[in-house]
């Protein structure tokens, strides 16, 4: 039996997000427009659907953007390869308002040589913000690549840095 997914558009301070969820887990959360104030026509911004996961996701995202939430407690079910799932799981352990480099991510995965593969998997993260791929930066501190646009990565890190009292830095 195929699980029914519900889709909802949420206009966040970082732009329009598309949320996809079943009745049991969040499957996708991604930015759908490069313009922060320009929603796409196929996303309906009506009242919240009758889906507890979407309701909780929106509530927790609002708290995150308001600075009152640093951890999410939503059941996740990202779809990907075994390697991608390992990468995304590692990303969930990067503390709020902290960053790591792509090289450090590869080391956490147990293979310093898999830096490109880790970067590619990071870029294919289907659940933005909650699986915090925006917390992975270049070894020299540069804001390299982000599926939602580098400006969004900078926005999210600045938000966390401001709320986290300046704690955004590389960690061991």
Protein backbone atom coordinates (compact mmCIF):
# COMPACT_ATOMS: atom_id res chain seq x y z
CA UNK A 1 0.00 0.00 0.00
CA UNK A 2 1.39 3.39 -1.01
CA UNK A 3 1.48 5.90 1.77
CA UNK A 4 -0.55 9.06 1.10
CA UNK A 5 1.55 12.25 1.19
CA UNK A 6 0.24 15.71 1.93
CA UNK A 7 1.95 18.82 0.54
CA UNK A 8 1.81 22.26 2.08
CA UNK A 9 3.47 25.60 1.28
CA UNK A 10 4.89 27.64 4.14
CA UNK A 11 6.23 31.16 3.63
CA UNK A 12 9.15 31.39 6.05
CA UNK A 13 11.45 34.35 6.71
CA UNK A 14 13.95 32.59 4.42
CA UNK A 15 11.44 32.13 1.60
CA UNK A 16 8.79 29.68 0.44
CA UNK A 17 9.14 26.13 1.73
CA UNK A 18 7.35 23.06 0.44
CA UNK A 19 6.55 20.49 3.13
CA UNK A 20 5.65 16.89 2.26
CA UNK A 21 4.56 14.45 4.93
CA UNK A 22 2.64 11.29 5.57
CA UNK A 23 0.53 10.91 8.69
CA UNK A 24 3.61 9.43 10.42
CA UNK A 25 6.71 11.28 9.19
CA UNK A 26 8.20 14.23 7.35
CA UNK A 27 9.44 13.17 3.91
CA UNK A 28 10.58 16.46 2.36
CA UNK A 29 11.15 20.09 3.23
CA UNK A 30 12.75 22.28 0.62
CA UNK A 31 12.86 25.81 -0.73
CA UNK A 32 10.85 26.13 -3.93
CA UNK A 33 11.71 29.59 -5.15
CA UNK A 34 14.93 31.55 -5.29
CA UNK A 35 12.98 34.71 -4.53
CA UNK A 36 12.18 34.80 -0.80
CA UNK A 37 8.79 36.43 -1.30
CA UNK A 38 7.65 34.75 -4.53
CA UNK A 39 5.63 31.56 -3.97
CA UNK A 40 5.04 29.30 -6.94
CA UNK A 41 1.50 28.80 -8.14
CA UNK A 42 1.36 25.05 -7.53
CA UNK A 43 1.82 25.48 -3.77
CA UNK A 44 -1.35 26.24 -1.89
CA UNK A 45 -1.01 28.43 1.19
CA UNK A 46 -4.48 27.71 2.50
CA UNK A 47 -5.22 26.73 6.06
CA UNK A 48 -3.09 23.94 7.44
CA UNK A 49 -4.12 20.51 6.19
CA UNK A 50 -5.42 17.86 8.54
CA UNK A 51 -1.98 16.29 8.97
CA UNK A 52 -0.34 16.29 12.41
CA UNK A 53 3.19 16.06 10.96
CA UNK A 54 2.71 19.13 8.78
CA UNK A 55 1.06 20.97 11.66
CA UNK A 56 4.02 20.15 13.97
CA UNK A 57 6.57 20.98 11.26
CA UNK A 58 5.06 24.43 10.71
CA UNK A 59 4.80 25.07 14.46
CA UNK A 60 8.41 24.05 15.06
CA UNK A 61 9.69 26.02 12.06
CA UNK A 62 7.92 29.14 13.39
CA UNK A 63 9.64 28.59 16.75
CA UNK A 64 13.00 28.07 15.01
CA UNK A 65 12.70 31.30 13.04
CA UNK A 66 11.54 33.15 16.17
CA UNK A 67 14.65 31.91 18.00
CA UNK A 68 12.85 29.80 20.60
CA UNK A 69 13.68 26.36 19.14
CA UNK A 70 17.13 24.88 18.55
CA UNK A 71 16.18 21.20 18.18
CA UNK A 72 13.40 19.61 16.15
CA UNK A 73 11.31 16.67 17.32
CA UNK A 74 9.57 15.60 14.14
CA UNK A 75 9.76 12.00 12.88
CA UNK A 76 11.77 12.04 9.65
CA UNK A 77 11.79 9.66 6.70
CA UNK A 78 14.16 11.00 4.06
CA UNK A 79 14.53 8.84 0.98
CA UNK A 80 18.00 8.19 -0.41
CA UNK A 81 20.82 5.73 -0.82
CA UNK A 82 22.42 4.03 2.16
CA UNK A 83 25.36 6.45 1.94
CA UNK A 84 23.10 9.51 1.70
CA UNK A 85 21.13 8.34 4.74
CA UNK A 86 24.42 7.98 6.68
CA UNK A 87 25.47 11.51 5.69
CA UNK A 88 22.09 12.99 6.62
CA UNK A 89 22.13 11.19 9.95
CA UNK A 90 25.57 12.71 10.71
CA UNK A 91 24.23 16.16 9.84
CA UNK A 92 21.57 15.86 12.55
CA UNK A 93 24.38 15.76 15.15
CA UNK A 94 25.87 19.13 14.21
CA UNK A 95 24.92 21.37 17.14
CA UNK A 96 22.77 24.44 16.65
CA UNK A 97 24.82 27.55 15.78
CA UNK A 98 27.88 25.44 14.94
CA UNK A 99 29.42 24.51 11.62
CA UNK A 100 31.69 21.81 10.27
CA UNK A 101 33.64 21.62 7.03
CA UNK A 102 33.00 19.14 4.25
CA UNK A 103 36.36 17.59 5.18
CA UNK A 104 35.22 17.16 8.80
CA UNK A 105 32.00 15.57 7.53
CA UNK A 106 34.01 13.05 5.53
CA UNK A 107 36.10 12.25 8.61
CA UNK A 108 32.93 11.76 10.69
CA UNK A 109 31.80 9.28 8.05
CA UNK A 110 35.03 7.35 8.59
CA UNK A 111 36.67 8.11 5.23
CA UNK A 112 38.53 11.40 4.74
CA UNK A 113 38.72 10.62 1.01
CA UNK A 114 34.92 10.68 0.55
CA UNK A 115 34.75 14.47 0.77
CA UNK A 116 33.18 14.90 -2.69
CA UNK A 117 30.65 12.11 -2.15
CA UNK A 118 29.78 13.56 1.26
CA UNK A 119 29.35 17.01 -0.30
CA UNK A 120 27.12 15.61 -3.03
CA UNK A 121 24.97 13.76 -0.48
CA UNK A 122 24.81 16.91 1.64
CA UNK A 123 23.54 18.81 -1.40
CA UNK A 124 20.80 16.24 -2.00
CA UNK A 125 19.37 16.51 1.51
CA UNK A 126 15.57 16.33 1.06
CA UNK A 127 14.74 17.87 4.47
CA UNK A 128 16.29 21.34 4.67
CA UNK A 129 16.79 23.14 8.00
CA UNK A 130 15.69 20.16 10.13
CA UNK A 131 18.51 18.04 8.71
CA UNK A 132 20.91 20.99 8.94
CA UNK A 133 22.96 20.75 5.74
CA UNK A 134 23.35 24.54 5.94
CA UNK A 135 25.82 23.97 8.81
CA UNK A 136 28.41 22.46 6.47
CA UNK A 137 30.86 25.01 5.06
CA UNK A 138 34.17 25.11 3.23
CA UNK A 139 37.38 24.33 5.16
CA UNK A 140 38.38 27.98 4.84
CA UNK A 141 35.03 29.16 6.27
CA UNK A 142 33.51 29.97 2.88
CA UNK A 143 29.81 29.56 2.25
CA UNK A 144 30.13 27.08 -0.61
CA UNK A 145 27.01 25.65 -2.18
CA UNK A 146 23.51 25.32 -0.81
CA UNK A 147 20.50 23.94 -2.66
CA UNK A 148 18.35 26.85 -1.53
CA UNK A 149 20.99 29.42 -2.48
CA UNK A 150 24.08 30.56 -0.62
CA UNK A 151 22.20 33.62 0.65
CA UNK A 152 19.82 31.28 2.50
CA UNK A 153 22.73 29.39 4.05
CA UNK A 154 24.11 32.73 5.25
CA UNK A 155 20.67 33.75 6.52
CA UNK A 156 20.18 30.51 8.51
CA UNK A 157 23.68 30.59 9.99
CA UNK A 158 23.28 34.27 10.92
CA UNK A 159 19.94 33.49 12.57
CA UNK A 160 21.47 30.66 14.58
CA UNK A 161 24.57 32.68 15.42
CA UNK A 162 22.46 35.58 16.68
CA UNK A 163 20.22 33.32 18.76
CA UNK A 164 23.08 31.04 19.82
CA UNK A 165 25.01 34.02 21.25
CA UNK A 166 27.82 33.90 18.75
CA UNK A 167 28.54 30.17 19.02
CA UNK A 168 28.81 29.50 15.26
CA UNK A 169 32.28 28.10 14.70
CA UNK A 170 33.97 24.90 13.63
CA UNK A 171 33.78 22.22 16.28
CA UNK A 172 35.83 19.07 16.87
